[in-house]
Each structure stands twice: as C-alpha cells, then as structure tokens.
Amino acid sequence: MTKVSVIIPVYNAAGYLRECLDSILAQTMSDLEVVCVDDGSRDGSGDILREYAGRDGRVKTLWQ
C-alpha cells in the first residue's frame, strides 16, 4: 500500500514538468505514487506524462 501520494496539477507545464517529475521521483521514500492530473494541456505536457508513466510505475496520469 502506498504511504504517500503526490498530486501534480498539470496545464501547459512542458517547460518545467520534467524537472518537477525528476525531483519527485528521486526522493528516497520507496512507498510513493505520483498522480498527475492533466487539465487539457496543449503544449506537449501529455507526451511527457505518457513517457514518464511508461518508464516508472509510480507515475499515474488522469486526463480531464
């Protein structure tokens, strides 16, 4: 069971989304999930989220 959930609202955040996700995923806590809520981004944020979700099972993405 996950102990900590980090929720990241995403809207046109491609310019800094990788840095944000890399920082969170580099934490030493092992029981961590990252839930990204994309609110209709049009700048490539969705592609970045798909990439990270495919690479790391701790990243979950919700599309709105």
PDB file of N, CA and C in Angstrom:
ATOM      1  N   MET A   1       0.833  -1.184   0.000  1.00  0.00           N
ATOM      2  CA  MET A   1       0.000   0.000   0.000  1.00  0.00           C
ATOM      3  C   MET A   1       0.878   1.248   0.000  1.00  0.00           C
ATOM      4  N   THR A   2       0.508   2.219  -0.803  1.00  0.00           N
ATOM      5  CA  THR A   2       1.263   3.457  -0.927  1.00  0.00           C
ATOM      6  C   THR A   2       1.079   4.305   0.319  1.00  0.00           C
ATOM      7  N   LYS A   3       2.178   4.824   0.836  1.00  0.00           N
ATOM      8  CA  LYS A   3       2.111   5.667   2.026  1.00  0.00           C
ATOM      9  C   LYS A   3       1.948   7.134   1.680  1.00  0.00           C
ATOM     10  N   VAL A   4       2.546   7.565   0.565  1.00  0.00           N
ATOM     11  CA  VAL A   4       2.499   8.975   0.195  1.00  0.00           C
ATOM     12  C   VAL A   4       2.085   9.102  -1.268  1.00  0.00           C
ATOM     13  N   SER A   5       1.090   9.957  -1.498  1.00  0.00           N
ATOM     14  CA  SER A   5       0.672  10.285  -2.855  1.00  0.00           C
ATOM     15  C   SER A   5       0.976  11.750  -3.107  1.00  0.00           C
ATOM     16  N   VAL A   6       1.662  12.022  -4.204  1.00  0.00           N
ATOM     17  CA  VAL A   6       1.949  13.395  -4.605  1.00  0.00           C
ATOM     18  C   VAL A   6       1.053  13.689  -5.799  1.00  0.00           C
ATOM     19  N   ILE A   7       0.234  14.721  -5.685  1.00  0.00           N
ATOM     20  CA  ILE A   7      -0.687  15.076  -6.759  1.00  0.00           C
ATOM     21  C   ILE A   7      -0.169  16.330  -7.444  1.00  0.00           C
ATOM     22  N   ILE A   8       0.017  16.238  -8.766  1.00  0.00           N
ATOM     23  CA  ILE A   8       0.550  17.358  -9.535  1.00  0.00           C
ATOM     24  C   ILE A   8      -0.490  17.805 -10.549  1.00  0.00           C
ATOM     25  N   PRO A   9      -1.037  19.017 -10.379  1.00  0.00           N
ATOM     26  CA  PRO A   9      -1.917  19.552 -11.419  1.00  0.00           C
ATOM     27  C   PRO A   9      -1.059  20.005 -12.601  1.00  0.00           C
ATOM     28  N   VAL A  10      -1.463  19.648 -13.806  1.00  0.00           N
ATOM     29  CA  VAL A  10      -0.661  19.962 -14.989  1.00  0.00           C
ATOM     30  C   VAL A  10      -1.518  20.696 -16.009  1.00  0.00           C
ATOM     31  N   TYR A  11      -1.059  21.861 -16.405  1.00  0.00           N
ATOM     32  CA  TYR A  11      -1.692  22.579 -17.514  1.00  0.00           C
ATOM     33  C   TYR A  11      -0.611  23.388 -18.227  1.00  0.00           C
ATOM     34  N   ASN A  12      -0.270  22.979 -19.426  1.00  0.00           N
ATOM     35  CA  ASN A  12       0.770  23.643 -20.223  1.00  0.00           C
ATOM     36  C   ASN A  12       2.047  23.844 -19.406  1.00  0.00           C
ATOM     37  N   ALA A  13       2.551  22.741 -18.880  1.00  0.00           N
ATOM     38  CA  ALA A  13       3.717  22.777 -17.998  1.00  0.00           C
ATOM     39  C   ALA A  13       4.949  22.125 -18.616  1.00  0.00           C
ATOM     40  N   ALA A  14       4.983  21.959 -19.921  1.00  0.00           N
ATOM     41  CA  ALA A  14       6.076  21.232 -20.571  1.00  0.00           C
ATOM     42  C   ALA A  14       7.443  21.835 -20.262  1.00  0.00           C
ATOM     43  N   GLY A  15       7.499  23.129 -20.042  1.00  0.00           N
ATOM     44  CA  GLY A  15       8.771  23.793 -19.799  1.00  0.00           C
ATOM     45  C   GLY A  15       9.467  23.379 -18.514  1.00  0.00           C
ATOM     46  N   TYR A  16       8.722  22.920 -17.537  1.00  0.00           N
ATOM     47  CA  TYR A  16       9.331  22.536 -16.262  1.00  0.00           C
ATOM     48  C   TYR A  16       8.825  21.203 -15.714  1.00  0.00           C
ATOM     49  N   LEU A  17       8.002  20.494 -16.459  1.00  0.00           N
ATOM     50  CA  LEU A  17       7.415  19.248 -15.975  1.00  0.00           C
ATOM     51  C   LEU A  17       8.460  18.160 -15.749  1.00  0.00           C
ATOM     52  N   ARG A  18       9.413  18.030 -16.648  1.00  0.00           N
ATOM     53  CA  ARG A  18      10.466  17.007 -16.479  1.00  0.00           C
ATOM     54  C   ARG A  18      11.255  17.252 -15.199  1.00  0.00           C
ATOM     55  N   GLU A  19      11.633  18.482 -14.959  1.00  0.00           N
ATOM     56  CA  GLU A  19      12.390  18.827 -13.748  1.00  0.00           C
ATOM     57  C   GLU A  19      11.576  18.495 -12.493  1.00  0.00           C
ATOM     58  N   CYS A  20      10.292  18.811 -12.530  1.00  0.00           N
ATOM     59  CA  CYS A  20       9.405  18.522 -11.409  1.00  0.00           C
ATOM     60  C   CYS A  20       9.318  17.016 -11.142  1.00  0.00           C
ATOM     61  N   LEU A  21       9.042  16.248 -12.175  1.00  0.00           N
ATOM     62  CA  LEU A  21       8.906  14.802 -12.019  1.00  0.00           C
ATOM     63  C   LEU A  21      10.225  14.153 -11.613  1.00  0.00           C
ATOM     64  N   ASP A  22      11.325  14.572 -12.207  1.00  0.00           N
ATOM     65  CA  ASP A  22      12.634  14.015 -11.848  1.00  0.00           C
ATOM     66  C   ASP A  22      12.933  14.252 -10.374  1.00  0.00           C
ATOM     67  N   SER A  23      12.614  15.435  -9.898  1.00  0.00           N
ATOM     68  CA  SER A  23      12.866  15.777  -8.497  1.00  0.00           C
ATOM     69  C   SER A  23      12.045  14.900  -7.558  1.00  0.00           C
ATOM     70  N   ILE A  24      10.781  14.726  -7.864  1.00  0.00           N
ATOM     71  CA  ILE A  24       9.917  13.914  -7.001  1.00  0.00           C
ATOM     72  C   ILE A  24      10.335  12.448  -7.044  1.00  0.00           C
ATOM     73  N   LEU A  25      10.609  11.936  -8.226  1.00  0.00           N
ATOM     74  CA  LEU A  25      10.964  10.522  -8.360  1.00  0.00           C
ATOM     75  C   LEU A  25      12.333  10.199  -7.783  1.00  0.00           C
ATOM     76  N   ALA A  26      13.164  11.195  -7.549  1.00  0.00           N
ATOM     77  CA  ALA A  26      14.493  10.974  -6.978  1.00  0.00           C
ATOM     78  C   ALA A  26      14.471  10.904  -5.450  1.00  0.00           C
ATOM     79  N   GLN A  27      13.316  11.097  -4.851  1.00  0.00           N
ATOM     80  CA  GLN A  27      13.223  11.044  -3.395  1.00  0.00           C
ATOM     81  C   GLN A  27      13.566   9.648  -2.900  1.00  0.00           C
ATOM     82  N   THR A  28      14.028   9.560  -1.675  1.00  0.00           N
ATOM     83  CA  THR A  28      14.451   8.280  -1.123  1.00  0.00           C
ATOM     84  C   THR A  28      13.291   7.435  -0.611  1.00  0.00           C
ATOM     85  N   MET A  29      12.127   8.028  -0.447  1.00  0.00           N
ATOM     86  CA  MET A  29      10.968   7.266   0.020  1.00  0.00           C
ATOM     87  C   MET A  29      10.557   6.262  -1.054  1.00  0.00           C
ATOM     88  N   SER A  30      10.379   5.015  -0.653  1.00  0.00           N
ATOM     89  CA  SER A  30      10.063   3.980  -1.637  1.00  0.00           C
ATOM     90  C   SER A  30       8.554   3.825  -1.867  1.00  0.00           C
ATOM     91  N   ASP A  31       7.747   4.090  -0.858  1.00  0.00           N
ATOM     92  CA  ASP A  31       6.289   3.951  -0.988  1.00  0.00           C
ATOM     93  C   ASP A  31       5.681   5.270  -1.442  1.00  0.00           C
ATOM     94  N   LEU A  32       5.865   5.580  -2.694  1.00  0.00           N
ATOM     95  CA  LEU A  32       5.478   6.870  -3.244  1.00  0.00           C
ATOM     96  C   LEU A  32       4.735   6.647  -4.549  1.00  0.00           C
ATOM     97  N   GLU A  33       3.652   7.390  -4.736  1.00  0.00           N
ATOM     98  CA  GLU A  33       2.989   7.407  -6.035  1.00  0.00           C
ATOM     99  C   GLU A  33       2.829   8.861  -6.453  1.00  0.00           C
ATOM    100  N   VAL A  34       2.911   9.091  -7.752  1.00  0.00           N
ATOM    101  CA  VAL A  34       2.779  10.436  -8.293  1.00  0.00           C
ATOM    102  C   VAL A  34       1.564  10.429  -9.213  1.00  0.00           C
ATOM    103  N   VAL A  35       0.566  11.224  -8.855  1.00  0.00           N
ATOM    104  CA  VAL A  35      -0.660  11.310  -9.639  1.00  0.00           C
ATOM    105  C   VAL A  35      -0.666  12.656 -10.344  1.00  0.00           C
ATOM    106  N   CYS A  36      -0.603  12.632 -11.660  1.00  0.00           N
ATOM    107  CA  CYS A  36      -0.599  13.858 -12.460  1.00  0.00           C
ATOM    108  C   CYS A  36      -1.981  14.024 -13.082  1.00  0.00           C
ATOM    109  N   VAL A  37      -2.564  15.198 -12.895  1.00  0.00           N
ATOM    110  CA  VAL A  37      -3.877  15.489 -13.445  1.00  0.00           C
ATOM    111  C   VAL A  37      -3.703  16.530 -14.546  1.00  0.00           C
ATOM    112  N   ASP A  38      -3.809  16.084 -15.795  1.00  0.00           N
ATOM    113  CA  ASP A  38      -3.646  16.978 -16.936  1.00  0.00           C
ATOM    114  C   ASP A  38      -4.998  17.566 -17.300  1.00  0.00           C
ATOM    115  N   ASP A  39      -5.089  18.878 -17.252  1.00  0.00           N
ATOM    116  CA  ASP A  39      -6.345  19.585 -17.477  1.00  0.00           C
ATOM    117  C   ASP A  39      -6.423  20.164 -18.887  1.00  0.00           C
ATOM    118  N   GLY A  40      -6.080  19.332 -19.881  1.00  0.00           N
ATOM    119  CA  GLY A  40      -6.219  19.760 -21.269  1.00  0.00           C
ATOM    120  C   GLY A  40      -5.036  20.528 -21.823  1.00  0.00           C
ATOM    121  N   SER A  41      -3.847  20.185 -21.407  1.00  0.00           N
ATOM    122  CA  SER A  41      -2.648  20.871 -21.904  1.00  0.00           C
ATOM    123  C   SER A  41      -2.534  20.765 -23.416  1.00  0.00           C
ATOM    124  N   ARG A  42      -1.970  21.790 -24.018  1.00  0.00           N
ATOM    125  CA  ARG A  42      -1.795  21.818 -25.478  1.00  0.00           C
ATOM    126  C   ARG A  42      -0.340  22.034 -25.879  1.00  0.00           C
ATOM    127  N   ASP A  43       0.580  21.819 -24.946  1.00  0.00           N
ATOM    128  CA  ASP A  43       1.975  22.164 -25.208  1.00  0.00           C
ATOM    129  C   ASP A  43       2.932  20.978 -25.170  1.00  0.00           C
ATOM    130  N   GLY A  44       2.436  19.776 -25.176  1.00  0.00           N
ATOM    131  CA  GLY A  44       3.323  18.616 -25.121  1.00  0.00           C
ATOM    132  C   GLY A  44       3.451  18.017 -23.734  1.00  0.00           C
ATOM    133  N   SER A  45       2.779  18.589 -22.756  1.00  0.00           N
ATOM    134  CA  SER A  45       2.820  18.037 -21.398  1.00  0.00           C
ATOM    135  C   SER A  45       2.307  16.603 -21.389  1.00  0.00           C
ATOM    136  N   GLY A  46       1.279  16.332 -22.165  1.00  0.00           N
ATOM    137  CA  GLY A  46       0.711  14.988 -22.227  1.00  0.00           C
ATOM    138  C   GLY A  46       1.718  13.951 -22.703  1.00  0.00           C
ATOM    139  N   ASP A  47       2.535  14.315 -23.684  1.00  0.00           N
ATOM    140  CA  ASP A  47       3.572  13.402 -24.180  1.00  0.00           C
ATOM    141  C   ASP A  47       4.602  13.110 -23.096  1.00  0.00           C
ATOM    142  N   ILE A  48       4.957  14.120 -22.336  1.00  0.00           N
ATOM    143  CA  ILE A  48       5.921  13.946 -21.242  1.00  0.00           C
ATOM    144  C   ILE A  48       5.323  13.024 -20.179  1.00  0.00           C
ATOM    145  N   LEU A  49       4.061  13.235 -19.843  1.00  0.00           N
ATOM    146  CA  LEU A  49       3.408  12.391 -18.839  1.00  0.00           C
ATOM    147  C   LEU A  49       3.338  10.940 -19.297  1.00  0.00           C
ATOM    148  N   ARG A  50       3.006  10.722 -20.571  1.00  0.00           N
ATOM    149  CA  ARG A  50       2.964   9.348 -21.098  1.00  0.00           C
ATOM    150  C   ARG A  50       4.353   8.705 -21.025  1.00  0.00           C
ATOM    151  N   GLU A  51       5.376   9.461 -21.340  1.00  0.00           N
ATOM    152  CA  GLU A  51       6.745   8.947 -21.278  1.00  0.00           C
ATOM    153  C   GLU A  51       7.103   8.506 -19.860  1.00  0.00           C
ATOM    154  N   TYR A  52       6.845   9.358 -18.884  1.00  0.00           N
ATOM    155  CA  TYR A  52       7.198   9.042 -17.502  1.00  0.00           C
ATOM    156  C   TYR A  52       6.352   7.891 -16.955  1.00  0.00           C
ATOM    157  N   ALA A  53       5.070   7.861 -17.294  1.00  0.00           N
ATOM    158  CA  ALA A  53       4.203   6.777 -16.834  1.00  0.00           C
ATOM    159  C   ALA A  53       4.657   5.441 -17.427  1.00  0.00           C
ATOM    160  N   GLY A  54       5.154   5.459 -18.651  1.00  0.00           N
ATOM    161  CA  GLY A  54       5.651   4.243 -19.279  1.00  0.00           C
ATOM    162  C   GLY A  54       6.958   3.749 -18.681  1.00  0.00           C
ATOM    163  N   ARG A  55       7.762   4.680 -18.181  1.00  0.00           N
ATOM    164  CA  ARG A  55       9.066   4.343 -17.599  1.00  0.00           C
ATOM    165  C   ARG A  55       8.997   3.960 -16.136  1.00  0.00           C
ATOM    166  N   ASP A  56       8.067   4.558 -15.393  1.00  0.00           N
ATOM    167  CA  ASP A  56       8.053   4.397 -13.938  1.00  0.00           C
ATOM    168  C   ASP A  56       6.627   4.111 -13.484  1.00  0.00           C
ATOM    169  N   GLY A  57       6.423   2.959 -12.895  1.00  0.00           N
ATOM    170  CA  GLY A  57       5.102   2.525 -12.463  1.00  0.00           C
ATOM    171  C   GLY A  57       4.505   3.364 -11.347  1.00  0.00           C
ATOM    172  N   ARG A  58       5.314   4.202 -10.711  1.00  0.00           N
ATOM    173  CA  ARG A  58       4.796   5.061  -9.641  1.00  0.00           C
ATOM    174  C   ARG A  58       4.024   6.264 -10.179  1.00  0.00           C
ATOM    175  N   VAL A  59       4.166   6.531 -11.487  1.00  0.00           N
ATOM    176  CA  VAL A  59       3.513   7.698 -12.091  1.00  0.00           C
ATOM    177  C   VAL A  59       2.183   7.271 -12.702  1.00  0.00           C
ATOM    178  N   LYS A  60       1.125   7.904 -12.229  1.00  0.00           N
ATOM    179  CA  LYS A  60      -0.228   7.680 -12.752  1.00  0.00           C
ATOM    180  C   LYS A  60      -0.707   8.996 -13.354  1.00  0.00           C
ATOM    181  N   THR A  61      -1.456   8.920 -14.427  1.00  0.00           N
ATOM    182  CA  THR A  61      -1.936  10.147 -15.078  1.00  0.00           C
ATOM    183  C   THR A  61      -3.439  10.085 -15.253  1.00  0.00           C
ATOM    184  N   LEU A  62      -4.088  11.178 -14.909  1.00  0.00           N
ATOM    185  CA  LEU A  62      -5.521  11.348 -15.133  1.00  0.00           C
ATOM    186  C   LEU A  62      -5.677  12.452 -16.163  1.00  0.00           C
ATOM    187  N   TRP A  63      -6.572  12.249 -17.116  1.00  0.00           N
ATOM    188  CA  TRP A  63      -6.802  13.226 -18.177  1.00  0.00           C
ATOM    189  C   TRP A  63      -8.175  13.832 -17.967  1.00  0.00           C
ATOM    190  N   GLN A  64      -8.232  15.139 -18.019  1.00  0.00           N
ATOM    191  CA  GLN A  64      -9.513  15.819 -17.808  1.00  0.00           C
ATOM    192  C   GLN A  64      -9.747  16.825 -18.896  1.00  0.00           C
TER     193      GLN A  64
END
